[in-house]
């Protein structure tokens, strides 16, 4: 396994502290001392492979340590914060990400016997990666050097990675995501709606009705899928958008608060400070200094 891991690390030598597209559809890589503000984001549905070092990912009130080499699954869009740390001997944090392609997933599920796919799953966590799974990632990553092979081979390697996740401890999430009529799949559609409508008021009863669920069931399923209640989810989307408006688009704090749906600037300041760890003004000053140094 060490030999495979060493080759993966060598192929990732061009990665930096911002995600780099590899030329392979849906595959990105990143390494180094990534600023915490960059890691506070709306995470895309993906399979993540922590190659070396550690990532501490916080969703809602729960923090999960993802120590390499291991993989994890983010099945739906979810706002989160994180920090990364080098390996204990000083080698930099490195990770790969593969976007979840629902069409590929649904095609794979149609080809698998129903009784082969796990029907229960553990909570979100780092999952042990075995040699076969690691080799699938290596084959996908090698395509960076043989671009002519990407159209023919990348779909096959992506499918293998999805298959091995389906058979693993987080497979339930992928199975539910790929079944159009599952509660999980319905929540995924609500999350997509949230991304475009989070600035306005939300009606939980209406959202539950659209999903075909009772309100209590909707709350429970939403939190199971995202780790957050609908109100928490909306609040964190608002705060992430406001941070971008203030730090990088020149909005005044109060203007950004109103823009994302807050009625009270003082409430906005309290919740911003609680979520990001410092006031909007101090946080903005720090973000601009970091970005200026990087550029």
Protein backbone atom coordinates (compact mmCIF):
# COMPACT_ATOMS: atom_id res chain seq x y z
CA UNK A 1 0.00 0.00 0.00
CA UNK A 2 2.89 2.40 0.76
CA UNK A 3 4.11 2.17 -2.83
CA UNK A 4 0.67 3.08 -4.19
CA UNK A 5 0.35 5.95 -1.73
CA UNK A 6 3.81 7.25 -2.65
CA UNK A 7 2.86 7.35 -6.34
CA UNK A 8 -0.36 9.20 -5.54
CA UNK A 9 1.62 11.77 -3.54
CA UNK A 10 4.10 12.17 -6.39
CA UNK A 11 1.29 12.75 -8.90
CA UNK A 12 -0.11 15.44 -6.59
CA UNK A 13 3.11 17.47 -6.46
CA UNK A 14 1.53 20.23 -8.57
CA UNK A 15 -1.31 20.79 -6.08
CA UNK A 16 -1.53 24.00 -4.05
CA UNK A 17 -3.61 25.60 -1.34
CA UNK A 18 -6.48 26.29 -3.71
CA UNK A 19 -8.32 23.36 -5.34
CA UNK A 20 -6.71 22.47 -8.67
CA UNK A 21 -8.66 20.81 -11.45
CA UNK A 22 -6.77 17.82 -12.75
CA UNK A 23 -8.21 17.59 -16.25
CA UNK A 24 -10.12 14.49 -15.17
CA UNK A 25 -13.82 15.45 -14.92
CA UNK A 26 -14.89 15.97 -11.31
CA UNK A 27 -11.45 15.25 -9.81
CA UNK A 28 -9.62 17.97 -7.88
CA UNK A 29 -6.64 18.06 -5.54
CA UNK A 30 -5.31 20.35 -2.83
CA UNK A 31 -2.37 20.41 -0.42
CA UNK A 32 -0.62 22.53 2.14
CA UNK A 33 -1.61 24.99 4.83
CA UNK A 34 -5.09 25.91 3.63
CA UNK A 35 -6.56 29.04 5.27
CA UNK A 36 -9.50 28.34 7.58
CA UNK A 37 -11.70 30.89 5.77
CA UNK A 38 -11.33 28.93 2.54
CA UNK A 39 -12.45 25.80 4.36
CA UNK A 40 -15.61 27.51 5.66
CA UNK A 41 -17.85 26.90 2.68
CA UNK A 42 -20.83 25.19 1.17
CA UNK A 43 -19.36 21.76 0.47
CA UNK A 44 -20.35 20.05 -2.77
CA UNK A 45 -21.57 16.42 -2.81
CA UNK A 46 -18.34 14.50 -3.10
CA UNK A 47 -16.12 11.62 -2.11
CA UNK A 48 -13.05 12.94 -0.33
CA UNK A 49 -9.75 11.09 0.00
CA UNK A 50 -7.47 12.43 2.74
CA UNK A 51 -4.10 11.30 1.40
CA UNK A 52 -1.94 12.51 4.29
CA UNK A 53 -2.28 14.84 7.23
CA UNK A 54 -5.57 15.54 8.98
CA UNK A 55 -8.72 17.50 8.27
CA UNK A 56 -11.14 18.37 11.08
CA UNK A 57 -14.55 18.98 9.52
CA UNK A 58 -17.32 20.61 11.56
CA UNK A 59 -20.94 20.33 10.49
CA UNK A 60 -23.35 21.87 12.95
CA UNK A 61 -22.26 20.91 16.45
CA UNK A 62 -20.35 17.81 15.38
CA UNK A 63 -16.66 17.74 14.46
CA UNK A 64 -15.11 14.76 12.71
CA UNK A 65 -11.38 14.03 12.43
CA UNK A 66 -10.40 12.77 8.97
CA UNK A 67 -6.87 11.42 9.24
CA UNK A 68 -5.11 10.12 6.15
CA UNK A 69 -5.10 7.82 4.45
CA UNK A 70 -8.89 7.55 4.64
CA UNK A 71 -11.98 8.58 2.72
CA UNK A 72 -15.31 10.19 3.53
CA UNK A 73 -18.60 10.96 1.81
CA UNK A 74 -20.45 14.29 1.64
CA UNK A 75 -23.72 13.14 0.02
CA UNK A 76 -25.49 16.53 -0.23
CA UNK A 77 -24.52 20.20 -0.26
CA UNK A 78 -23.79 21.21 3.31
CA UNK A 79 -22.31 24.32 4.96
CA UNK A 80 -19.31 23.44 7.09
CA UNK A 81 -16.11 24.76 8.62
CA UNK A 82 -12.80 22.94 8.77
CA UNK A 83 -9.12 23.11 9.60
CA UNK A 84 -6.25 21.08 8.16
CA UNK A 85 -3.02 19.93 9.77
CA UNK A 86 0.19 18.41 8.37
CA UNK A 87 1.28 14.86 9.03
CA UNK A 88 3.01 14.36 12.38
CA UNK A 89 6.45 14.38 10.69
CA UNK A 90 5.72 17.69 8.96
CA UNK A 91 4.66 16.43 5.54
CA UNK A 92 1.87 18.67 4.18
CA UNK A 93 -1.83 17.95 4.26
CA UNK A 94 -2.98 16.50 0.89
CA UNK A 95 -6.38 15.43 -0.34
CA UNK A 96 -8.35 14.50 -3.44
CA UNK A 97 -12.00 15.15 -4.13
CA UNK A 98 -14.35 13.48 -6.62
CA UNK A 99 -17.69 15.14 -7.32
CA UNK A 100 -20.68 12.86 -6.92
CA UNK A 101 -22.26 12.28 -10.32
CA UNK A 102 -25.84 11.19 -9.69
CA UNK A 103 -26.31 9.85 -13.23
CA UNK A 104 -23.32 7.54 -12.84
CA UNK A 105 -24.55 6.51 -9.41
CA UNK A 106 -28.05 5.68 -10.65
CA UNK A 107 -26.61 3.69 -13.56
CA UNK A 108 -24.43 1.72 -11.15
CA UNK A 109 -27.35 0.99 -8.83
CA UNK A 110 -29.40 -0.39 -11.75
CA UNK A 111 -26.60 -2.83 -12.50
CA UNK A 112 -26.18 -4.12 -8.95
CA UNK A 113 -28.35 -6.81 -7.35
CA UNK A 114 -30.65 -5.25 -4.73
CA UNK A 115 -29.47 -7.59 -1.99
CA UNK A 116 -25.81 -6.69 -2.55
CA UNK A 117 -26.10 -3.06 -1.44
CA UNK A 118 -25.91 -2.22 2.29
CA UNK A 119 -29.19 -1.00 3.80
CA UNK A 120 -27.68 0.62 6.90
CA UNK A 121 -24.80 3.00 7.40
CA UNK A 122 -22.62 4.41 10.12
CA UNK A 123 -22.67 8.10 10.95
CA UNK A 124 -20.45 10.44 8.97
CA UNK A 125 -16.87 9.48 9.70
CA UNK A 126 -13.48 8.75 8.21
CA UNK A 127 -13.50 5.33 6.52
CA UNK A 128 -10.53 3.03 6.24
CA UNK A 129 -9.19 2.80 2.70
CA UNK A 130 -7.91 -0.55 1.43
CA UNK A 131 -5.43 -1.28 -1.34
CA UNK A 132 -8.07 -1.94 -4.03
CA UNK A 133 -9.81 1.35 -3.34
CA UNK A 134 -6.51 3.25 -3.28
CA UNK A 135 -5.49 1.71 -6.60
CA UNK A 136 -8.72 2.94 -8.18
CA UNK A 137 -7.85 6.49 -7.13
CA UNK A 138 -4.33 6.03 -8.48
CA UNK A 139 -5.61 4.88 -11.87
CA UNK A 140 -7.89 7.94 -12.04
CA UNK A 141 -5.06 10.27 -11.06
CA UNK A 142 -2.64 8.76 -13.61
CA UNK A 143 -4.96 9.95 -16.37
CA UNK A 144 -3.58 13.46 -15.81
CA UNK A 145 -0.52 12.27 -17.77
CA UNK A 146 -2.47 10.52 -20.56
CA UNK A 147 -5.26 12.95 -21.43
CA UNK A 148 -6.24 11.01 -24.56
CA UNK A 149 -7.36 8.14 -22.30
CA UNK A 150 -9.64 10.27 -20.13
CA UNK A 151 -12.89 9.94 -22.17
CA UNK A 152 -12.60 6.15 -22.33
CA UNK A 153 -11.19 5.26 -18.93
CA UNK A 154 -12.20 7.98 -16.44
CA UNK A 155 -15.86 6.84 -16.35
CA UNK A 156 -14.77 3.27 -15.58
CA UNK A 157 -12.49 4.33 -12.71
CA UNK A 158 -15.10 6.73 -11.34
CA UNK A 159 -17.64 3.92 -11.39
CA UNK A 160 -15.24 1.65 -9.50
CA UNK A 161 -14.72 4.28 -6.80
CA UNK A 162 -18.49 4.71 -6.42
CA UNK A 163 -18.91 0.93 -6.25
CA UNK A 164 -16.33 0.58 -3.46
CA UNK A 165 -17.98 3.39 -1.49
CA UNK A 166 -21.38 1.71 -1.96
CA UNK A 167 -19.96 -1.48 -0.48
CA UNK A 168 -18.38 0.36 2.46
CA UNK A 169 -19.62 1.80 5.76
CA UNK A 170 -20.95 4.99 4.10
CA UNK A 171 -22.65 3.11 1.27
CA UNK A 172 -26.16 3.70 2.62
CA UNK A 173 -25.91 7.42 1.83
CA UNK A 174 -25.06 6.80 -1.81
CA UNK A 175 -27.75 4.16 -2.14
CA UNK A 176 -30.41 6.51 -0.76
CA UNK A 177 -29.17 9.41 -2.88
CA UNK A 178 -29.46 7.29 -6.01
CA UNK A 179 -33.02 6.13 -5.31
CA UNK A 180 -35.29 8.87 -6.67
CA UNK A 181 -38.19 8.18 -4.30
CA UNK A 182 -36.19 7.79 -1.09
CA UNK A 183 -36.59 10.38 1.68
CA UNK A 184 -32.89 11.12 1.38
CA UNK A 185 -33.20 11.88 -2.33
CA UNK A 186 -36.16 14.17 -1.63
CA UNK A 187 -34.14 16.04 1.00
CA UNK A 188 -31.37 16.40 -1.58
CA UNK A 189 -33.82 18.21 -3.85
CA UNK A 190 -34.88 20.50 -0.99
CA UNK A 191 -31.21 21.30 -0.32
CA UNK A 192 -30.81 22.33 -3.97
CA UNK A 193 -33.83 24.64 -3.58
CA UNK A 194 -32.30 26.06 -0.40
CA UNK A 195 -29.14 27.09 -2.24
CA UNK A 196 -31.15 29.48 -4.42
CA UNK A 197 -33.70 30.68 -1.86
CA UNK A 198 -31.90 30.93 1.48
CA UNK A 199 -32.12 34.74 1.69
CA UNK A 200 -35.91 34.78 2.01
CA UNK A 201 -38.21 33.40 4.72
CA UNK A 202 -38.83 29.66 4.72
CA UNK A 203 -41.99 27.74 5.49
CA UNK A 204 -41.06 24.40 7.05
CA UNK A 205 -44.60 23.09 6.62
CA UNK A 206 -44.57 23.86 2.91
CA UNK A 207 -41.16 22.27 2.45
CA UNK A 208 -42.28 19.15 4.30
CA UNK A 209 -45.42 19.00 2.17
CA UNK A 210 -43.39 19.27 -1.05
CA UNK A 211 -41.28 16.36 0.18
CA UNK A 212 -44.35 14.27 1.01
CA UNK A 213 -43.39 14.05 4.68
CA UNK A 214 -44.90 15.04 8.00
CA UNK A 215 -43.11 18.00 9.58
CA UNK A 216 -41.44 15.90 12.30
CA UNK A 217 -40.28 13.36 9.72
CA UNK A 218 -38.98 16.14 7.49
CA UNK A 219 -36.96 17.65 10.35
CA UNK A 220 -35.50 14.27 11.25
CA UNK A 221 -34.60 13.35 7.67
CA UNK A 222 -33.15 16.79 6.92
CA UNK A 223 -30.85 16.62 9.93
CA UNK A 224 -29.84 13.05 9.11
CA UNK A 225 -28.82 14.13 5.60
CA UNK A 226 -27.10 17.41 6.43
CA UNK A 227 -26.24 17.31 10.13
CA UNK A 228 -28.24 20.54 10.57
CA UNK A 229 -31.83 21.59 11.14
CA UNK A 230 -33.42 23.54 8.24
CA UNK A 231 -33.12 26.79 10.24
CA UNK A 232 -29.44 26.14 11.03
CA UNK A 233 -28.80 25.28 7.39
CA UNK A 234 -30.36 28.56 6.22
CA UNK A 235 -28.52 30.59 8.85
CA UNK A 236 -25.13 29.18 7.89
CA UNK A 237 -25.74 29.75 4.18
CA UNK A 238 -26.62 33.37 4.99
CA UNK A 239 -23.48 33.85 7.07
CA UNK A 240 -21.21 32.34 4.40
CA UNK A 241 -22.72 34.59 1.72
CA UNK A 242 -22.50 37.67 3.97
CA UNK A 243 -18.84 36.96 4.66
CA UNK A 244 -18.11 36.94 0.95
CA UNK A 245 -20.06 40.18 0.42
CA UNK A 246 -18.24 42.01 3.22
CA UNK A 247 -14.71 40.72 2.67
CA UNK A 248 -14.51 40.54 -1.11
CA UNK A 249 -17.33 42.63 -2.61
CA UNK A 250 -17.05 45.72 -0.46
CA UNK A 251 -20.40 45.62 1.34
CA UNK A 252 -20.80 47.39 4.66
CA UNK A 253 -21.64 45.01 7.52
CA UNK A 254 -25.24 46.21 7.94
CA UNK A 255 -25.84 46.19 4.15
CA UNK A 256 -24.60 42.60 3.88
CA UNK A 257 -26.78 41.56 6.81
CA UNK A 258 -29.91 42.96 5.16
CA UNK A 259 -28.89 41.57 1.77
CA UNK A 260 -28.81 37.98 3.03
CA UNK A 261 -32.08 38.24 4.94
CA UNK A 262 -31.28 39.48 8.45
CA UNK A 263 -33.60 42.09 9.93
CA UNK A 264 -31.36 42.92 12.89
CA UNK A 265 -27.68 43.91 12.38
CA UNK A 266 -26.96 43.23 16.06
CA UNK A 267 -28.29 39.67 15.75
CA UNK A 268 -26.22 39.26 12.59
CA UNK A 269 -23.07 40.42 14.40
CA UNK A 270 -23.65 37.97 17.26
CA UNK A 271 -24.28 35.00 14.98
CA UNK A 272 -21.40 35.91 12.67
CA UNK A 273 -18.98 36.11 15.60
CA UNK A 274 -20.23 32.81 16.99
CA UNK A 275 -19.88 31.00 13.65
CA UNK A 276 -16.57 32.44 12.42
CA UNK A 277 -14.92 33.17 15.76
CA UNK A 278 -14.51 36.93 15.37
CA UNK A 279 -16.53 40.02 14.52
CA UNK A 280 -17.28 40.85 10.86
CA UNK A 281 -14.87 43.81 10.89
CA UNK A 282 -11.98 41.89 12.46
CA UNK A 283 -12.63 38.81 10.34
CA UNK A 284 -12.70 40.89 7.14
CA UNK A 285 -9.40 42.57 8.00
CA UNK A 286 -7.81 39.19 8.58
CA UNK A 287 -9.21 37.68 5.36
CA UNK A 288 -7.99 40.55 3.21
CA UNK A 289 -4.53 40.38 4.76
CA UNK A 290 -4.29 36.63 4.08
CA UNK A 291 -5.51 36.94 0.50
CA UNK A 292 -3.17 39.86 -0.17
CA UNK A 293 -0.20 37.84 1.10
CA UNK A 294 -1.15 34.86 -1.08
CA UNK A 295 -1.51 36.98 -4.22
